[in-house]
Amino acid sequence: MTDQAVLSPLTVRRSGQFRLAGMIILISGIAGALLLYWVRTRGPQVADDPRMLGFYKKEDLQMRQLYGKSGMLANDLVSALERPDTQAILIGGISTAVSLGCFFISKRWRE
């Protein structure tokens, strides 16, 4: 007897649904991350404005004085999350993790 003969049609269908969901999530997540990166990097960048150089130095000094090292760390984290490359990496990574979870569940349905 093969493994396929032991599995019920419902099990095979559920396993296929999870595989399909995993593929859709993976493809749409990576495509969305690439699209977001492409769109967000095409416009003018406020950070590239030479008039803002003094502002950022003053802002960093004020953050350091008011909140210390933990405030600077939180500020750096928020600044990193605002960049399109970081957002694209997060979207791609999360969609990959979710799709891998779907593939894992699909494999478990077949066991």
N, C-alpha and C. Protein backbone atom coordinates (compact mmCIF):
# COMPACT_ATOMS: atom_id res chain seq x y z
N MET A 1 0.82 -1.17 0.00
CA MET A 1 0.00 0.00 0.00
C MET A 1 0.87 1.25 0.00
N THR A 2 0.50 2.21 -0.78
CA THR A 2 1.25 3.46 -0.81
C THR A 2 0.71 4.42 0.23
N ASP A 3 1.47 5.47 0.50
CA ASP A 3 1.03 6.47 1.46
C ASP A 3 -0.21 7.21 0.96
N GLN A 4 -0.31 7.37 -0.33
CA GLN A 4 -1.44 8.09 -0.93
C GLN A 4 -2.75 7.35 -0.69
N ALA A 5 -2.74 6.03 -0.67
CA ALA A 5 -3.96 5.26 -0.47
C ALA A 5 -4.45 5.37 0.96
N VAL A 6 -3.59 5.62 1.92
CA VAL A 6 -3.96 5.71 3.32
C VAL A 6 -4.57 7.07 3.63
N LEU A 7 -4.17 8.10 2.93
CA LEU A 7 -4.65 9.45 3.21
C LEU A 7 -6.07 9.64 2.69
N SER A 8 -6.87 10.34 3.47
CA SER A 8 -8.23 10.63 3.04
C SER A 8 -8.22 11.79 2.05
N PRO A 9 -9.26 11.90 1.24
CA PRO A 9 -9.32 13.03 0.29
C PRO A 9 -9.32 14.39 0.98
N LEU A 10 -9.92 14.47 2.17
CA LEU A 10 -9.95 15.73 2.91
C LEU A 10 -8.53 16.12 3.33
N THR A 11 -7.74 15.16 3.76
CA THR A 11 -6.36 15.43 4.17
C THR A 11 -5.53 15.93 2.99
N VAL A 12 -5.69 15.29 1.86
CA VAL A 12 -4.95 15.70 0.67
C VAL A 12 -5.37 17.11 0.24
N ARG A 13 -6.67 17.38 0.31
CA ARG A 13 -7.17 18.70 -0.08
C ARG A 13 -6.67 19.79 0.87
N ARG A 14 -6.71 19.53 2.18
CA ARG A 14 -6.23 20.52 3.15
C ARG A 14 -4.73 20.77 2.98
N SER A 15 -3.99 19.71 2.74
CA SER A 15 -2.55 19.86 2.52
C SER A 15 -2.28 20.71 1.29
N GLY A 16 -3.02 20.48 0.23
CA GLY A 16 -2.87 21.28 -0.98
C GLY A 16 -3.25 22.73 -0.76
N GLN A 17 -4.28 22.95 0.06
CA GLN A 17 -4.70 24.33 0.35
C GLN A 17 -3.61 25.09 1.11
N PHE A 18 -2.98 24.41 2.06
CA PHE A 18 -1.90 25.06 2.79
C PHE A 18 -0.69 25.34 1.89
N ARG A 19 -0.38 24.41 0.99
CA ARG A 19 0.72 24.66 0.04
C ARG A 19 0.41 25.84 -0.86
N LEU A 20 -0.83 25.90 -1.36
CA LEU A 20 -1.24 27.01 -2.21
C LEU A 20 -1.19 28.33 -1.44
N ALA A 21 -1.67 28.33 -0.21
CA ALA A 21 -1.63 29.55 0.61
C ALA A 21 -0.19 29.98 0.85
N GLY A 22 0.69 29.01 1.10
CA GLY A 22 2.10 29.33 1.29
C GLY A 22 2.72 29.96 0.06
N MET A 23 2.41 29.43 -1.11
CA MET A 23 2.94 29.99 -2.35
C MET A 23 2.40 31.40 -2.60
N ILE A 24 1.11 31.60 -2.37
CA ILE A 24 0.50 32.92 -2.58
C ILE A 24 1.11 33.94 -1.62
N ILE A 25 1.27 33.57 -0.36
CA ILE A 25 1.85 34.48 0.62
C ILE A 25 3.29 34.81 0.27
N LEU A 26 4.05 33.81 -0.13
CA LEU A 26 5.46 34.04 -0.47
C LEU A 26 5.60 34.95 -1.68
N ILE A 27 4.86 34.66 -2.73
CA ILE A 27 4.96 35.46 -3.96
C ILE A 27 4.46 36.88 -3.74
N SER A 28 3.30 37.02 -3.09
CA SER A 28 2.76 38.37 -2.88
C SER A 28 3.61 39.17 -1.90
N GLY A 29 4.18 38.52 -0.90
CA GLY A 29 5.02 39.23 0.06
C GLY A 29 6.30 39.75 -0.58
N ILE A 30 6.96 38.91 -1.36
CA ILE A 30 8.19 39.34 -2.02
C ILE A 30 7.89 40.40 -3.08
N ALA A 31 6.81 40.20 -3.84
CA ALA A 31 6.45 41.20 -4.85
C ALA A 31 6.07 42.52 -4.18
N GLY A 32 5.34 42.46 -3.08
CA GLY A 32 4.98 43.68 -2.36
C GLY A 32 6.19 44.40 -1.79
N ALA A 33 7.15 43.63 -1.27
CA ALA A 33 8.37 44.24 -0.74
C ALA A 33 9.17 44.93 -1.85
N LEU A 34 9.29 44.27 -2.98
CA LEU A 34 10.01 44.87 -4.11
C LEU A 34 9.29 46.11 -4.63
N LEU A 35 7.97 46.05 -4.72
CA LEU A 35 7.20 47.19 -5.18
C LEU A 35 7.32 48.37 -4.22
N LEU A 36 7.22 48.10 -2.92
CA LEU A 36 7.36 49.15 -1.92
C LEU A 36 8.73 49.79 -2.02
N TYR A 37 9.77 48.99 -2.13
CA TYR A 37 11.13 49.54 -2.23
C TYR A 37 11.28 50.38 -3.49
N TRP A 38 10.76 49.90 -4.60
CA TRP A 38 10.90 50.61 -5.86
C TRP A 38 10.16 51.95 -5.82
N VAL A 39 8.94 51.96 -5.29
CA VAL A 39 8.14 53.19 -5.24
C VAL A 39 8.75 54.19 -4.26
N ARG A 40 9.16 53.72 -3.08
CA ARG A 40 9.66 54.63 -2.05
C ARG A 40 11.04 55.20 -2.36
N THR A 41 11.82 54.53 -3.21
CA THR A 41 13.16 55.06 -3.53
C THR A 41 13.15 55.95 -4.76
N ARG A 42 12.03 56.07 -5.44
CA ARG A 42 11.98 56.89 -6.65
C ARG A 42 11.71 58.36 -6.37
N GLY A 43 11.11 58.69 -5.26
CA GLY A 43 10.76 60.08 -4.95
C GLY A 43 11.93 60.83 -4.33
N PRO A 44 11.75 62.13 -4.12
CA PRO A 44 12.80 62.92 -3.47
C PRO A 44 12.97 62.50 -2.01
N GLN A 45 14.18 62.44 -1.56
CA GLN A 45 14.48 62.03 -0.20
C GLN A 45 14.69 63.27 0.67
N VAL A 46 13.92 63.38 1.75
CA VAL A 46 14.05 64.52 2.65
C VAL A 46 15.39 64.47 3.37
N ALA A 47 15.89 63.28 3.66
CA ALA A 47 17.15 63.15 4.39
C ALA A 47 18.33 63.63 3.56
N ASP A 48 18.19 63.71 2.25
CA ASP A 48 19.27 64.16 1.39
C ASP A 48 19.35 65.68 1.28
N ASP A 49 18.43 66.39 1.87
CA ASP A 49 18.39 67.84 1.79
C ASP A 49 19.54 68.42 2.62
N PRO A 50 20.45 69.19 2.02
CA PRO A 50 21.58 69.72 2.78
C PRO A 50 21.19 70.69 3.89
N ARG A 51 20.00 71.29 3.79
CA ARG A 51 19.56 72.21 4.84
C ARG A 51 19.21 71.49 6.13
N MET A 52 19.01 70.17 6.08
CA MET A 52 18.60 69.41 7.25
C MET A 52 19.78 68.90 8.07
N LEU A 53 21.02 69.10 7.62
CA LEU A 53 22.17 68.56 8.34
C LEU A 53 22.27 69.11 9.76
N GLY A 54 22.13 70.39 9.94
CA GLY A 54 22.19 70.98 11.28
C GLY A 54 21.03 70.54 12.15
N PHE A 55 19.88 70.36 11.57
CA PHE A 55 18.71 69.93 12.34
C PHE A 55 18.93 68.56 12.95
N TYR A 56 19.47 67.62 12.18
CA TYR A 56 19.67 66.27 12.69
C TYR A 56 20.71 66.24 13.80
N LYS A 57 21.74 67.06 13.70
CA LYS A 57 22.74 67.11 14.77
C LYS A 57 22.12 67.64 16.06
N LYS A 58 21.32 68.70 15.94
CA LYS A 58 20.66 69.26 17.11
C LYS A 58 19.65 68.27 17.71
N GLU A 59 18.94 67.59 16.85
CA GLU A 59 17.98 66.60 17.32
C GLU A 59 18.67 65.47 18.07
N ASP A 60 19.78 64.98 17.54
CA ASP A 60 20.53 63.91 18.22
C ASP A 60 21.05 64.38 19.57
N LEU A 61 21.57 65.59 19.65
CA LEU A 61 22.07 66.12 20.91
C LEU A 61 20.95 66.24 21.94
N GLN A 62 19.81 66.74 21.51
CA GLN A 62 18.68 66.88 22.42
C GLN A 62 18.18 65.52 22.89
N MET A 63 18.10 64.54 21.99
CA MET A 63 17.67 63.19 22.38
C MET A 63 18.64 62.59 23.39
N ARG A 64 19.94 62.78 23.18
CA ARG A 64 20.94 62.23 24.09
C ARG A 64 20.83 62.87 25.46
N GLN A 65 20.58 64.19 25.50
CA GLN A 65 20.47 64.87 26.79
C GLN A 65 19.20 64.50 27.54
N LEU A 66 18.10 64.37 26.81
CA LEU A 66 16.82 64.12 27.48
C LEU A 66 16.60 62.66 27.85
N TYR A 67 17.00 61.74 26.98
CA TYR A 67 16.63 60.34 27.17
C TYR A 67 17.81 59.40 27.36
N GLY A 68 19.02 59.86 27.16
CA GLY A 68 20.19 59.02 27.37
C GLY A 68 20.37 58.00 26.25
N LYS A 69 21.13 56.94 26.56
CA LYS A 69 21.46 55.95 25.54
C LYS A 69 20.24 55.16 25.08
N SER A 70 19.33 54.85 26.00
CA SER A 70 18.15 54.08 25.59
C SER A 70 17.25 54.90 24.66
N GLY A 71 17.17 56.20 24.90
CA GLY A 71 16.40 57.05 24.00
C GLY A 71 17.02 57.13 22.62
N MET A 72 18.34 57.20 22.58
CA MET A 72 19.04 57.21 21.29
C MET A 72 18.83 55.90 20.55
N LEU A 73 18.87 54.79 21.28
CA LEU A 73 18.64 53.49 20.67
C LEU A 73 17.23 53.39 20.10
N ALA A 74 16.26 53.87 20.86
CA ALA A 74 14.88 53.85 20.37
C ALA A 74 14.72 54.77 19.16
N ASN A 75 15.37 55.92 19.19
CA ASN A 75 15.30 56.86 18.07
C ASN A 75 15.95 56.25 16.83
N ASP A 76 17.08 55.59 17.01
CA ASP A 76 17.74 54.94 15.87
C ASP A 76 16.89 53.82 15.29
N LEU A 77 16.19 53.08 16.16
CA LEU A 77 15.32 52.00 15.69
C LEU A 77 14.16 52.57 14.88
N VAL A 78 13.54 53.62 15.37
CA VAL A 78 12.43 54.24 14.64
C VAL A 78 12.92 54.81 13.31
N SER A 79 14.10 55.42 13.32
CA SER A 79 14.66 55.96 12.08
C SER A 79 14.93 54.85 11.07
N ALA A 80 15.42 53.72 11.56
CA ALA A 80 15.70 52.59 10.66
C ALA A 80 14.40 52.02 10.09
N LEU A 81 13.34 51.99 10.90
CA LEU A 81 12.07 51.44 10.42
C LEU A 81 11.39 52.35 9.40
N GLU A 82 11.79 53.60 9.35
CA GLU A 82 11.20 54.52 8.37
C GLU A 82 11.85 54.40 6.99
N ARG A 83 12.99 53.73 6.91
CA ARG A 83 13.69 53.60 5.62
C ARG A 83 13.04 52.51 4.77
N PRO A 84 12.93 52.71 3.46
CA PRO A 84 12.26 51.74 2.60
C PRO A 84 12.99 50.40 2.50
N ASP A 85 14.32 50.40 2.60
CA ASP A 85 15.03 49.12 2.52
C ASP A 85 14.73 48.25 3.74
N THR A 86 14.65 48.86 4.92
CA THR A 86 14.31 48.10 6.12
C THR A 86 12.88 47.59 6.05
N GLN A 87 11.97 48.41 5.57
CA GLN A 87 10.58 47.98 5.45
C GLN A 87 10.45 46.82 4.47
N ALA A 88 11.15 46.90 3.35
CA ALA A 88 11.08 45.83 2.36
C ALA A 88 11.65 44.53 2.92
N ILE A 89 12.75 44.62 3.65
CA ILE A 89 13.34 43.42 4.25
C ILE A 89 12.39 42.80 5.26
N LEU A 90 11.75 43.64 6.08
CA LEU A 90 10.80 43.12 7.06
C LEU A 90 9.60 42.45 6.39
N ILE A 91 9.06 43.08 5.37
CA ILE A 91 7.91 42.50 4.66
C ILE A 91 8.31 41.17 4.02
N GLY A 92 9.45 41.14 3.36
CA GLY A 92 9.92 39.90 2.73
C GLY A 92 10.20 38.82 3.75
N GLY A 93 10.81 39.17 4.86
CA GLY A 93 11.13 38.19 5.90
C GLY A 93 9.89 37.63 6.57
N ILE A 94 8.95 38.49 6.89
CA ILE A 94 7.72 38.02 7.54
C ILE A 94 6.90 37.15 6.60
N SER A 95 6.79 37.55 5.33
CA SER A 95 6.03 36.72 4.39
C SER A 95 6.72 35.38 4.16
N THR A 96 8.05 35.37 4.17
CA THR A 96 8.77 34.11 4.03
C THR A 96 8.52 33.21 5.23
N ALA A 97 8.56 33.79 6.44
CA ALA A 97 8.32 33.00 7.65
C ALA A 97 6.90 32.43 7.68
N VAL A 98 5.91 33.24 7.30
CA VAL A 98 4.53 32.77 7.30
C VAL A 98 4.33 31.67 6.25
N SER A 99 4.94 31.86 5.07
CA SER A 99 4.80 30.83 4.03
C SER A 99 5.50 29.54 4.44
N LEU A 100 6.64 29.64 5.11
CA LEU A 100 7.31 28.43 5.61
C LEU A 100 6.43 27.72 6.64
N GLY A 101 5.72 28.50 7.46
CA GLY A 101 4.76 27.91 8.40
C GLY A 101 3.65 27.17 7.68
N CYS A 102 3.16 27.74 6.59
CA CYS A 102 2.12 27.06 5.79
C CYS A 102 2.66 25.77 5.18
N PHE A 103 3.89 25.81 4.68
CA PHE A 103 4.48 24.60 4.10
C PHE A 103 4.69 23.53 5.18
N PHE A 104 5.09 23.95 6.38
CA PHE A 104 5.27 23.01 7.48
C PHE A 104 3.95 22.35 7.87
N ILE A 105 2.89 23.16 7.97
CA ILE A 105 1.57 22.61 8.31
C ILE A 105 1.09 21.67 7.21
N SER A 106 1.35 22.03 5.94
CA SER A 106 0.97 21.19 4.83
C SER A 106 1.65 19.82 4.92
N LYS A 107 2.90 19.84 5.28
CA LYS A 107 3.63 18.57 5.41
C LYS A 107 3.09 17.75 6.59
N ARG A 108 2.73 18.44 7.68
CA ARG A 108 2.17 17.74 8.85
C ARG A 108 0.81 17.11 8.53
N TRP A 109 0.01 17.74 7.66
CA TRP A 109 -1.27 17.18 7.30
C TRP A 109 -1.09 15.85 6.58
N ARG A 110 0.01 15.71 5.86
CA ARG A 110 0.24 14.49 5.08
C ARG A 110 0.80 13.36 5.94
N GLU A 111 1.28 13.67 7.12
CA GLU A 111 1.87 12.61 7.97
C GLU A 111 0.82 11.90 8.79
